[in-house]
C-alpha atoms as a PDB file:
ATOM      1  CA  UNK A   1     120.228  96.288  70.153  1.00  0.00           C
ATOM      2  CA  UNK A   2     116.770  94.066  70.981  1.00  0.00           C
ATOM      3  CA  UNK A   3     115.318  96.764  72.948  1.00  0.00           C
ATOM      4  CA  UNK A   4     115.876  99.444  70.053  1.00  0.00           C
ATOM      5  CA  UNK A   5     113.906  96.912  67.927  1.00  0.00           C
ATOM      6  CA  UNK A   6     111.351  96.698  70.345  1.00  0.00           C
ATOM      7  CA  UNK A   7     107.888  98.123  69.340  1.00  0.00           C
ATOM      8  CA  UNK A   8     104.442  98.649  70.338  1.00  0.00           C
ATOM      9  CA  UNK A   9     101.418  96.814  68.642  1.00  0.00           C
ATOM     10  CA  UNK A  10      97.475  97.673  69.263  1.00  0.00           C
ATOM     11  CA  UNK A  11      95.599  94.602  69.982  1.00  0.00           C
ATOM     12  CA  UNK A  12      92.064  94.917  69.855  1.00  0.00           C
ATOM     13  CA  UNK A  13      89.663  92.399  71.761  1.00  0.00           C
ATOM     14  CA  UNK A  14      86.346  93.595  71.225  1.00  0.00           C
ATOM     15  CA  UNK A  15      84.240  95.456  68.517  1.00  0.00           C
ATOM     16  CA  UNK A  16      84.620  94.515  64.857  1.00  0.00           C
ATOM     17  CA  UNK A  17      86.042  94.266  61.570  1.00  0.00           C
ATOM     18  CA  UNK A  18      84.793  96.881  59.124  1.00  0.00           C
ATOM     19  CA  UNK A  19      85.194  96.968  55.133  1.00  0.00           C
ATOM     20  CA  UNK A  20      84.809  99.334  52.650  1.00  0.00           C
ATOM     21  CA  UNK A  21      85.947 102.602  54.554  1.00  0.00           C
ATOM     22  CA  UNK A  22      87.679 105.513  53.521  1.00  0.00           C
ATOM     23  CA  UNK A  23      91.230 103.714  54.772  1.00  0.00           C
ATOM     24  CA  UNK A  24      89.887 100.129  53.721  1.00  0.00           C
ATOM     25  CA  UNK A  25      89.761  97.844  56.566  1.00  0.00           C
ATOM     26  CA  UNK A  26      88.884  99.376  60.008  1.00  0.00           C
ATOM     27  CA  UNK A  27      88.508  97.830  63.780  1.00  0.00           C
ATOM     28  CA  UNK A  28      86.380  99.190  65.930  1.00  0.00           C
ATOM     29  CA  UNK A  29      87.242  98.673  69.361  1.00  0.00           C
ATOM     30  CA  UNK A  30      88.164 102.056  70.925  1.00  0.00           C
ATOM     31  CA  UNK A  31      90.260 100.407  73.984  1.00  0.00           C
ATOM     32  CA  UNK A  32      93.048  98.045  73.128  1.00  0.00           C
ATOM     33  CA  UNK A  33      95.888  96.668  74.413  1.00  0.00           C
ATOM     34  CA  UNK A  34      99.333  97.695  74.211  1.00  0.00           C
ATOM     35  CA  UNK A  35     101.715  94.777  73.702  1.00  0.00           C
ATOM     36  CA  UNK A  36     105.603  95.140  73.259  1.00  0.00           C
ATOM     37  CA  UNK A  37     107.082  92.752  70.585  1.00  0.00           C
ATOM     38  CA  UNK A  38     110.222  92.452  68.824  1.00  0.00           C
ATOM     39  CA  UNK A  39     110.913  90.446  65.586  1.00  0.00           C
ATOM     40  CA  UNK A  40     111.962  87.400  67.713  1.00  0.00           C
ATOM     41  CA  UNK A  41     108.730  87.474  69.525  1.00  0.00           C
ATOM     42  CA  UNK A  42     106.682  84.011  68.583  1.00  0.00           C
ATOM     43  CA  UNK A  43     102.996  83.642  68.144  1.00  0.00           C
ATOM     44  CA  UNK A  44     102.575  81.814  71.529  1.00  0.00           C
ATOM     45  CA  UNK A  45     104.530  84.764  72.740  1.00  0.00           C
ATOM     46  CA  UNK A  46     102.019  87.328  71.450  1.00  0.00           C
ATOM     47  CA  UNK A  47      99.101  85.003  72.564  1.00  0.00           C
ATOM     48  CA  UNK A  48     100.364  84.518  76.111  1.00  0.00           C
ATOM     49  CA  UNK A  49     101.088  88.125  76.706  1.00  0.00           C
ATOM     50  CA  UNK A  50      97.575  89.210  75.607  1.00  0.00           C
ATOM     51  CA  UNK A  51      95.690  86.520  77.627  1.00  0.00           C
ATOM     52  CA  UNK A  52      98.233  87.535  80.793  1.00  0.00           C
ATOM     53  CA  UNK A  53      97.197  91.484  80.057  1.00  0.00           C
ATOM     54  CA  UNK A  54      93.587  90.656  80.062  1.00  0.00           C
ATOM     55  CA  UNK A  55      93.592  88.391  82.941  1.00  0.00           C
ATOM     56  CA  UNK A  56      92.024  85.423  80.746  1.00  0.00           C
ATOM     57  CA  UNK A  57      94.831  82.923  81.197  1.00  0.00           C
ATOM     58  CA  UNK A  58      92.510  79.379  81.530  1.00  0.00           C
ATOM     59  CA  UNK A  59      89.423  80.995  80.748  1.00  0.00           C
ATOM     60  CA  UNK A  60      89.865  81.944  76.755  1.00  0.00           C
ATOM     61  CA  UNK A  61      92.009  81.117  74.068  1.00  0.00           C
ATOM     62  CA  UNK A  62      93.193  83.008  71.049  1.00  0.00           C
ATOM     63  CA  UNK A  63      91.866  81.306  67.914  1.00  0.00           C
ATOM     64  CA  UNK A  64      93.481  83.532  65.838  1.00  0.00           C
ATOM     65  CA  UNK A  65      94.438  87.408  65.063  1.00  0.00           C
ATOM     66  CA  UNK A  66      93.569  89.733  62.208  1.00  0.00           C
ATOM     67  CA  UNK A  67      96.183  92.156  61.296  1.00  0.00           C
ATOM     68  CA  UNK A  68      95.094  95.369  59.383  1.00  0.00           C
ATOM     69  CA  UNK A  69      97.821  95.097  57.094  1.00  0.00           C
ATOM     70  CA  UNK A  70      98.966  98.015  54.889  1.00  0.00           C
ATOM     71  CA  UNK A  71      98.428  97.298  51.255  1.00  0.00           C
ATOM     72  CA  UNK A  72      99.439 100.641  49.267  1.00  0.00           C
ATOM     73  CA  UNK A  73     100.228 104.228  50.140  1.00  0.00           C
ATOM     74  CA  UNK A  74      98.929 107.127  47.914  1.00  0.00           C
ATOM     75  CA  UNK A  75      99.367 111.356  48.449  1.00  0.00           C
ATOM     76  CA  UNK A  76     100.171 109.929  52.542  1.00  0.00           C
ATOM     77  CA  UNK A  77      97.337 108.137  52.658  1.00  0.00           C
ATOM     78  CA  UNK A  78      97.636 104.397  53.641  1.00  0.00           C
ATOM     79  CA  UNK A  79      94.973 101.922  52.587  1.00  0.00           C
ATOM     80  CA  UNK A  80      94.592  98.518  54.761  1.00  0.00           C
ATOM     81  CA  UNK A  81      92.995  94.686  54.023  1.00  0.00           C
ATOM     82  CA  UNK A  82      92.865  92.315  56.519  1.00  0.00           C
ATOM     83  CA  UNK A  83      95.214  89.308  56.893  1.00  0.00           C
ATOM     84  CA  UNK A  84      94.755  86.475  59.068  1.00  0.00           C
ATOM     85  CA  UNK A  85      97.430  85.395  61.567  1.00  0.00           C
ATOM     86  CA  UNK A  86      97.498  82.149  63.117  1.00  0.00           C
ATOM     87  CA  UNK A  87     101.314  80.924  62.871  1.00  0.00           C
ATOM     88  CA  UNK A  88     104.936  82.229  63.782  1.00  0.00           C
ATOM     89  CA  UNK A  89     105.354  82.607  59.670  1.00  0.00           C
ATOM     90  CA  UNK A  90     101.965  84.667  59.485  1.00  0.00           C
ATOM     91  CA  UNK A  91     103.500  86.946  62.368  1.00  0.00           C
ATOM     92  CA  UNK A  92     106.461  87.280  60.460  1.00  0.00           C
ATOM     93  CA  UNK A  93     104.299  89.210  57.835  1.00  0.00           C
ATOM     94  CA  UNK A  94     103.642  91.716  60.073  1.00  0.00           C
ATOM     95  CA  UNK A  95     107.251  92.645  60.920  1.00  0.00           C
ATOM     96  CA  UNK A  96     108.260  92.600  57.420  1.00  0.00           C
ATOM     97  CA  UNK A  97     105.080  95.194  56.588  1.00  0.00           C
ATOM     98  CA  UNK A  98     106.959  97.531  59.180  1.00  0.00           C
ATOM     99  CA  UNK A  99     110.069  97.535  57.864  1.00  0.00           C
ATOM    100  CA  UNK A 100     108.031  98.154  54.437  1.00  0.00           C
ATOM    101  CA  UNK A 101     106.245 100.499  55.542  1.00  0.00           C
ATOM    102  CA  UNK A 102     107.969 102.755  57.861  1.00  0.00           C
ATOM    103  CA  UNK A 103     104.908 104.869  57.603  1.00  0.00           C
ATOM    104  CA  UNK A 104     102.720 102.662  59.936  1.00  0.00           C
ATOM    105  CA  UNK A 105     104.788 102.719  62.923  1.00  0.00           C
ATOM    106  CA  UNK A 106     102.267 101.138  65.050  1.00  0.00           C
ATOM    107  CA  UNK A 107     100.701  97.799  63.420  1.00  0.00           C
ATOM    108  CA  UNK A 108      97.282  96.870  64.521  1.00  0.00           C
ATOM    109  CA  UNK A 109      95.710  93.383  65.303  1.00  0.00           C
ATOM    110  CA  UNK A 110      92.063  92.054  66.256  1.00  0.00           C
ATOM    111  CA  UNK A 111      92.303  88.913  68.795  1.00  0.00           C
ATOM    112  CA  UNK A 112      89.584  86.478  68.217  1.00  0.00           C
ATOM    113  CA  UNK A 113      88.944  85.308  71.263  1.00  0.00           C
ATOM    114  CA  UNK A 114      87.307  82.015  72.238  1.00  0.00           C
ATOM    115  CA  UNK A 115      85.784  80.552  75.930  1.00  0.00           C
ATOM    116  CA  UNK A 116      87.412  77.435  76.756  1.00  0.00           C
ATOM    117  CA  UNK A 117      84.162  75.966  78.726  1.00  0.00           C
ATOM    118  CA  UNK A 118      84.611  72.951  80.927  1.00  0.00           C
ATOM    119  CA  UNK A 119      82.008  69.910  81.304  1.00  0.00           C
ATOM    120  CA  UNK A 120      81.411  66.677  82.563  1.00  0.00           C
ATOM    121  CA  UNK A 121      83.351  64.864  79.951  1.00  0.00           C
ATOM    122  CA  UNK A 122      86.241  67.264  80.224  1.00  0.00           C
ATOM    123  CA  UNK A 123      87.103  70.236  78.751  1.00  0.00           C
ATOM    124  CA  UNK A 124      85.285  71.683  75.132  1.00  0.00           C
ATOM    125  CA  UNK A 125      85.954  74.488  73.581  1.00  0.00           C
ATOM    126  CA  UNK A 126      83.373  77.184  73.390  1.00  0.00           C
ATOM    127  CA  UNK A 127      83.209  78.362  69.812  1.00  0.00           C
ATOM    128  CA  UNK A 128      80.258  80.815  69.864  1.00  0.00           C
ATOM    129  CA  UNK A 129      82.071  83.852  69.257  1.00  0.00           C
ATOM    130  CA  UNK A 130      83.447  82.461  66.561  1.00  0.00           C
ATOM    131  CA  UNK A 131      81.106  83.217  62.990  1.00  0.00           C
ATOM    132  CA  UNK A 132      78.362  80.439  62.087  1.00  0.00           C
ATOM    133  CA  UNK A 133      74.585  79.610  59.913  1.00  0.00           C
ATOM    134  CA  UNK A 134      70.839  79.745  60.458  1.00  0.00           C
ATOM    135  CA  UNK A 135      68.502  78.193  62.504  1.00  0.00           C
ATOM    136  CA  UNK A 136      65.036  78.626  64.679  1.00  0.00           C
ATOM    137  CA  UNK A 137      64.621  78.458  68.670  1.00  0.00           C
ATOM    138  CA  UNK A 138      62.128  75.682  68.421  1.00  0.00           C
ATOM    139  CA  UNK A 139      64.792  73.819  66.401  1.00  0.00           C
ATOM    140  CA  UNK A 140      66.309  70.973  68.149  1.00  0.00           C
ATOM    141  CA  UNK A 141      70.164  71.140  68.564  1.00  0.00           C
ATOM    142  CA  UNK A 142      71.703  70.007  65.447  1.00  0.00           C
ATOM    143  CA  UNK A 143      74.797  67.416  64.814  1.00  0.00           C
ATOM    144  CA  UNK A 144      77.847  68.721  63.580  1.00  0.00           C
ATOM    145  CA  UNK A 145      77.044  67.015  60.216  1.00  0.00           C
ATOM    146  CA  UNK A 146      73.899  68.765  59.893  1.00  0.00           C
ATOM    147  CA  UNK A 147      73.071  71.675  57.739  1.00  0.00           C
ATOM    148  CA  UNK A 148      70.822  74.164  58.926  1.00  0.00           C
ATOM    149  CA  UNK A 149      68.944  76.319  55.969  1.00  0.00           C
ATOM    150  CA  UNK A 150      67.629  79.837  55.649  1.00  0.00           C
ATOM    151  CA  UNK A 151      64.959  81.141  56.968  1.00  0.00           C
ATOM    152  CA  UNK A 152      62.426  82.953  55.584  1.00  0.00           C
ATOM    153  CA  UNK A 153      61.911  80.868  52.604  1.00  0.00           C
ATOM    154  CA  UNK A 154      61.528  84.244  50.932  1.00  0.00           C
ATOM    155  CA  UNK A 155      65.095  83.939  50.107  1.00  0.00           C
ATOM    156  CA  UNK A 156      64.409  81.932  46.942  1.00  0.00           C
ATOM    157  CA  UNK A 157      67.654  80.674  44.890  1.00  0.00           C
ATOM    158  CA  UNK A 158      69.372  81.245  47.688  1.00  0.00           C
ATOM    159  CA  UNK A 159      71.907  77.990  48.773  1.00  0.00           C
ATOM    160  CA  UNK A 160      71.621  76.621  52.243  1.00  0.00           C
ATOM    161  CA  UNK A 161      74.279  77.533  54.965  1.00  0.00           C
ATOM    162  CA  UNK A 162      76.862  75.071  54.925  1.00  0.00           C
ATOM    163  CA  UNK A 163      79.267  73.794  57.776  1.00  0.00           C
ATOM    164  CA  UNK A 164      82.646  74.610  56.550  1.00  0.00           C
ATOM    165  CA  UNK A 165      87.053  83.044  57.538  1.00  0.00           C
ATOM    166  CA  UNK A 166      87.773  84.364  55.457  1.00  0.00           C
ATOM    167  CA  UNK A 167      85.539  86.326  53.501  1.00  0.00           C
ATOM    168  CA  UNK A 168      84.417  89.412  55.563  1.00  0.00           C
ATOM    169  CA  UNK A 169      84.136  91.551  52.568  1.00  0.00           C
ATOM    170  CA  UNK A 170      81.717  91.974  50.152  1.00  0.00           C
ATOM    171  CA  UNK A 171      80.515  93.328  46.785  1.00  0.00           C
ATOM    172  CA  UNK A 172      80.250  97.284  47.183  1.00  0.00           C
ATOM    173  CA  UNK A 173      83.109  98.913  45.947  1.00  0.00           C
ATOM    174  CA  UNK A 174      82.363 102.410  47.170  1.00  0.00           C
ATOM    175  CA  UNK A 175      84.008 103.665  50.177  1.00  0.00           C
ATOM    176  CA  UNK A 176      81.336 103.337  52.508  1.00  0.00           C
ATOM    177  CA  UNK A 177      81.603 103.464  56.418  1.00  0.00           C
ATOM    178  CA  UNK A 178      78.993 100.986  57.914  1.00  0.00           C
ATOM    179  CA  UNK A 179      75.847 102.162  59.481  1.00  0.00           C
ATOM    180  CA  UNK A 180      75.021 101.624  62.905  1.00  0.00           C
ATOM    181  CA  UNK A 181      72.730  98.624  62.800  1.00  0.00           C
ATOM    182  CA  UNK A 182      69.870  98.752  65.667  1.00  0.00           C
ATOM    183  CA  UNK A 183      69.793  95.392  67.712  1.00  0.00           C
ATOM    184  CA  UNK A 184      66.637  93.824  67.600  1.00  0.00           C
ATOM    185  CA  UNK A 185      67.656  90.665  68.968  1.00  0.00           C
ATOM    186  CA  UNK A 186      68.388  89.579  72.335  1.00  0.00           C
ATOM    187  CA  UNK A 187      69.765  86.363  71.370  1.00  0.00           C
ATOM    188  CA  UNK A 188      73.203  87.423  69.478  1.00  0.00           C
ATOM    189  CA  UNK A 189      76.266  87.109  70.586  1.00  0.00           C
ATOM    190  CA  UNK A 190      77.746  90.153  71.796  1.00  0.00           C
ATOM    191  CA  UNK A 191      81.253  91.679  71.647  1.00  0.00           C
ATOM    192  CA  UNK A 192      82.420  90.789  74.832  1.00  0.00           C
ATOM    193  CA  UNK A 193      81.300  87.204  74.669  1.00  0.00           C
ATOM    194  CA  UNK A 194      78.212  85.196  75.505  1.00  0.00           C
ATOM    195  CA  UNK A 195      76.081  85.880  78.050  1.00  0.00           C
ATOM    196  CA  UNK A 196      75.352  82.697  80.524  1.00  0.00           C
ATOM    197  CA  UNK A 197      72.354  80.517  80.048  1.00  0.00           C
ATOM    198  CA  UNK A 198      69.468  79.984  82.321  1.00  0.00           C
ATOM    199  CA  UNK A 199      70.147  83.194  84.004  1.00  0.00           C
ATOM    200  CA  UNK A 200      72.682  82.174  85.817  1.00  0.00           C
ATOM    201  CA  UNK A 201      75.435  83.907  87.926  1.00  0.00           C
ATOM    202  CA  UNK A 202      78.634  85.327  86.287  1.00  0.00           C
ATOM    203  CA  UNK A 203      80.844  82.571  88.831  1.00  0.00           C
ATOM    204  CA  UNK A 204      78.795  79.890  86.921  1.00  0.00           C
ATOM    205  CA  UNK A 205      80.143  78.141  83.422  1.00  0.00           C
ATOM    206  CA  UNK A 206      78.256  78.558  80.272  1.00  0.00           C
ATOM    207  CA  UNK A 207      77.254  74.483  79.085  1.00  0.00           C
ATOM    208  CA  UNK A 208      76.669  74.097  75.509  1.00  0.00           C
ATOM    209  CA  UNK A 209      76.021  71.075  73.244  1.00  0.00           C
ATOM    210  CA  UNK A 210      79.011  68.656  72.503  1.00  0.00           C
ATOM    211  CA  UNK A 211      78.680  69.406  68.833  1.00  0.00           C
ATOM    212  CA  UNK A 212      79.564  73.037  68.977  1.00  0.00           C
ATOM    213  CA  UNK A 213      83.395  71.853  69.958  1.00  0.00           C
ATOM    214  CA  UNK A 214      83.238  70.298  66.108  1.00  0.00           C
ATOM    215  CA  UNK A 215      81.508  73.092  64.298  1.00  0.00           C
ATOM    216  CA  UNK A 216      83.772  74.996  61.464  1.00  0.00           C
ATOM    217  CA  UNK A 217      81.670  78.515  62.673  1.00  0.00           C
ATOM    218  CA  UNK A 218      83.708  80.836  60.315  1.00  0.00           C
ATOM    219  CA  UNK A 219      82.819  78.385  57.155  1.00  0.00           C
ATOM    220  CA  UNK A 220      79.057  78.813  57.767  1.00  0.00           C
ATOM    221  CA  UNK A 221      79.324  82.170  57.928  1.00  0.00           C
ATOM    222  CA  UNK A 222      81.077  82.406  54.401  1.00  0.00           C
ATOM    223  CA  UNK A 223      78.378  79.898  53.301  1.00  0.00           C
ATOM    224  CA  UNK A 224      75.920  82.392  54.721  1.00  0.00           C
ATOM    225  CA  UNK A 225      77.651  85.373  52.659  1.00  0.00           C
ATOM    226  CA  UNK A 226      77.943  83.473  49.452  1.00  0.00           C
ATOM    227  CA  UNK A 227      74.122  82.765  49.589  1.00  0.00           C
ATOM    228  CA  UNK A 228      73.471  86.505  49.550  1.00  0.00           C
ATOM    229  CA  UNK A 229      75.741  87.291  46.881  1.00  0.00           C
ATOM    230  CA  UNK A 230      74.349  83.963  44.596  1.00  0.00           C
ATOM    231  CA  UNK A 231      70.820  85.908  45.290  1.00  0.00           C
ATOM    232  CA  UNK A 232      71.767  89.302  44.305  1.00  0.00           C
ATOM    233  CA  UNK A 233      73.529  88.106  41.550  1.00  0.00           C
ATOM    234  CA  UNK A 234      70.485  86.002  40.334  1.00  0.00           C
ATOM    235  CA  UNK A 235      68.464  88.771  40.135  1.00  0.00           C
ATOM    236  CA  UNK A 236      70.699  91.300  38.674  1.00  0.00           C
ATOM    237  CA  UNK A 237      71.147  93.511  41.598  1.00  0.00           C
ATOM    238  CA  UNK A 238      73.380  95.410  43.667  1.00  0.00           C
ATOM    239  CA  UNK A 239      73.836  96.153  47.038  1.00  0.00           C
ATOM    240  CA  UNK A 240      75.731  97.646  49.851  1.00  0.00           C
ATOM    241  CA  UNK A 241      77.346  95.948  52.895  1.00  0.00           C
ATOM    242  CA  UNK A 242      76.315  98.326  56.214  1.00  0.00           C
ATOM    243  CA  UNK A 243      77.906  96.089  58.262  1.00  0.00           C
ATOM    244  CA  UNK A 244      80.282  92.999  58.528  1.00  0.00           C
ATOM    245  CA  UNK A 245      82.186  91.334  61.377  1.00  0.00           C
ATOM    246  CA  UNK A 246      82.603  87.940  63.028  1.00  0.00           C
ATOM    247  CA  UNK A 247      78.667  88.267  64.604  1.00  0.00           C
ATOM    248  CA  UNK A 248      76.978  90.475  62.055  1.00  0.00           C
ATOM    249  CA  UNK A 249      76.230  90.740  58.242  1.00  0.00           C
ATOM    250  CA  UNK A 250      73.885  93.464  57.098  1.00  0.00           C
ATOM    251  CA  UNK A 251      73.040  94.388  53.730  1.00  0.00           C
ATOM    252  CA  UNK A 252      70.528  96.914  51.910  1.00  0.00           C
ATOM    253  CA  UNK A 253      69.926  97.208  48.268  1.00  0.00           C
ATOM    254  CA  UNK A 254      72.024 100.038  46.618  1.00  0.00           C
ATOM    255  CA  UNK A 255      68.424 101.744  45.571  1.00  0.00           C
ATOM    256  CA  UNK A 256      67.566 101.823  49.009  1.00  0.00           C
ATOM    257  CA  UNK A 257      65.248 104.748  49.893  1.00  0.00           C
ATOM    258  CA  UNK A 258      64.792 105.744  46.309  1.00  0.00           C
ATOM    259  CA  UNK A 259      61.742 103.462  45.770  1.00  0.00           C
ATOM    260  CA  UNK A 260      63.214  99.656  47.112  1.00  0.00           C
ATOM    261  CA  UNK A 261      63.397  98.744  50.746  1.00  0.00           C
ATOM    262  CA  UNK A 262      65.456  95.685  50.439  1.00  0.00           C
ATOM    263  CA  UNK A 263      67.379  94.739  53.395  1.00  0.00           C
ATOM    264  CA  UNK A 264      69.161  91.951  55.018  1.00  0.00           C
ATOM    265  CA  UNK A 265      70.431  90.917  58.367  1.00  0.00           C
ATOM    266  CA  UNK A 266      72.460  87.886  59.128  1.00  0.00           C
ATOM    267  CA  UNK A 267      73.294  87.329  63.188  1.00  0.00           C
ATOM    268  CA  UNK A 268      75.228  84.716  65.159  1.00  0.00           C
ATOM    269  CA  UNK A 269      72.603  83.296  67.311  1.00  0.00           C
ATOM    270  CA  UNK A 270      74.795  82.558  70.472  1.00  0.00           C
ATOM    271  CA  UNK A 271      72.820  79.882  72.411  1.00  0.00           C
ATOM    272  CA  UNK A 272      72.205  77.490  69.032  1.00  0.00           C
ATOM    273  CA  UNK A 273      76.046  78.232  67.536  1.00  0.00           C
ATOM    274  CA  UNK A 274      74.178  79.063  64.293  1.00  0.00           C
ATOM    275  CA  UNK A 275      73.585  82.047  61.994  1.00  0.00           C
ATOM    276  CA  UNK A 276      69.834  83.022  61.114  1.00  0.00           C
ATOM    277  CA  UNK A 277      68.247  85.520  58.639  1.00  0.00           C
ATOM    278  CA  UNK A 278      66.787  87.887  61.351  1.00  0.00           C
ATOM    279  CA  UNK A 279      66.004  90.529  59.047  1.00  0.00           C
ATOM    280  CA  UNK A 280      64.504  90.616  55.589  1.00  0.00           C
ATOM    281  CA  UNK A 281      62.402  93.339  54.555  1.00  0.00           C
ATOM    282  CA  UNK A 282      60.985  92.150  51.267  1.00  0.00           C
ATOM    283  CA  UNK A 283      62.102  90.924  47.699  1.00  0.00           C
ATOM    284  CA  UNK A 284      63.527  93.778  45.685  1.00  0.00           C
ATOM    285  CA  UNK A 285      61.418  95.913  43.622  1.00  0.00           C
ATOM    286  CA  UNK A 286      63.986  97.250  41.161  1.00  0.00           C
ATOM    287  CA  UNK A 287      65.067  94.324  39.586  1.00  0.00           C
ATOM    288  CA  UNK A 288      67.099  94.678  36.483  1.00  0.00           C
ATOM    289  CA  UNK A 289      65.906  93.661  33.182  1.00  0.00           C
ATOM    290  CA  UNK A 290      69.401  91.664  32.371  1.00  0.00           C
ATOM    291  CA  UNK A 291      72.263  89.999  34.223  1.00  0.00           C
ATOM    292  CA  UNK A 292      75.399  91.488  33.799  1.00  0.00           C
ATOM    293  CA  UNK A 293      78.663  89.590  33.602  1.00  0.00           C
ATOM    294  CA  UNK A 294      80.281  92.760  35.726  1.00  0.00           C
ATOM    295  CA  UNK A 295      77.970  92.099  38.954  1.00  0.00           C
ATOM    296  CA  UNK A 296      79.649  93.447  42.054  1.00  0.00           C
ATOM    297  CA  UNK A 297      79.159  90.623  43.639  1.00  0.00           C
ATOM    298  CA  UNK A 298      80.656  88.126  41.137  1.00  0.00           C
ATOM    299  CA  UNK A 299      84.265  88.289  42.383  1.00  0.00           C
ATOM    300  CA  UNK A 300      86.503  85.076  42.764  1.00  0.00           C
ATOM    301  CA  UNK A 301      85.005  83.656  46.203  1.00  0.00           C
ATOM    302  CA  UNK A 302      81.556  83.007  44.221  1.00  0.00           C
ATOM    303  CA  UNK A 303      83.263  81.641  40.877  1.00  0.00           C
ATOM    304  CA  UNK A 304      85.351  79.122  43.014  1.00  0.00           C
ATOM    305  CA  UNK A 305      82.347  77.954  45.269  1.00  0.00           C
ATOM    306  CA  UNK A 306      80.585  76.599  41.906  1.00  0.00           C
ATOM    307  CA  UNK A 307      83.701  75.477  40.205  1.00  0.00           C
ATOM    308  CA  UNK A 308      85.244  73.498  42.635  1.00  0.00           C
ATOM    309  CA  UNK A 309      82.529  71.134  43.226  1.00  0.00           C
ATOM    310  CA  UNK A 310      82.798  70.476  39.387  1.00  0.00           C
ATOM    311  CA  UNK A 311      86.630  69.738  39.604  1.00  0.00           C
ATOM    312  CA  UNK A 312      86.463  67.579  43.043  1.00  0.00           C
ATOM    313  CA  UNK A 313      83.905  65.407  40.488  1.00  0.00           C
ATOM    314  CA  UNK A 314      85.792  65.177  37.393  1.00  0.00           C
ATOM    315  CA  UNK A 315      89.727  66.490  37.578  1.00  0.00           C
ATOM    316  CA  UNK A 316      89.537  66.727  34.027  1.00  0.00           C
ATOM    317  CA  UNK A 317      87.002  69.072  33.694  1.00  0.00           C
ATOM    318  CA  UNK A 318      87.942  71.725  31.576  1.00  0.00           C
ATOM    319  CA  UNK A 319      86.910  75.417  33.408  1.00  0.00           C
END
């Protein structure tokens, strides 16, 4: 009976997550692993199977999986969203969805892999494949409590990028297949992991500053995206997301090519462990005359980010 319940899961381990495609969420890896699971498979079993197939046991660990979860079916078209899986309970959601959506016979996961880096003090976790915040190459390595800020200063009104995934989606409600953006930085994290520092050979071990092991890189990325949204809301302008994943966030004005050249690109810097504004054309030239309360970027993520500090300061505050 157990063998009859077994099924194949496609596990992507490269590429990125694209949102706002015709089918919702889409994983870009074209060469996923095929892992056989059954309803009794635990989260640790799945992690072990993935690392064994990749031959990366001891070299990498799985921080979490992203599940391409079916949410609606309309006229035989399945729409997907993204769910983070990090425990046995989360994994059961995938088994439940497979029973509820028989049209989707082969579930898809994206594994977020992180290097396990050894140093003279022992074993540190390299989190440079996970999303982070801004800084320049001339800046000294910051302590884990430091908060880098956006560069350039042209992003007036954008809050600092903080230390603290969640939010991979964005403001554009249209079904947009993200464009391919030319890579203009050799210092960004690639999809297959960080390059070796100092031009060392592939057999040497990458060394990273000690504070890398304590950075919450996902939350830093979230703060960067929140800054772009706040900037757009305050100026009453709309923008589209061209690409959004764990190492890159690119947006451009909805009027791009029609009199406006606003474009912004946030990229993960692998050596600094921070997110940086790598590309910023210029301020909007299509500013709205008034700010609408129905702005696309004014979602619950943005609202809660401003309300939560008020509630923490005074639990009796009326919202």
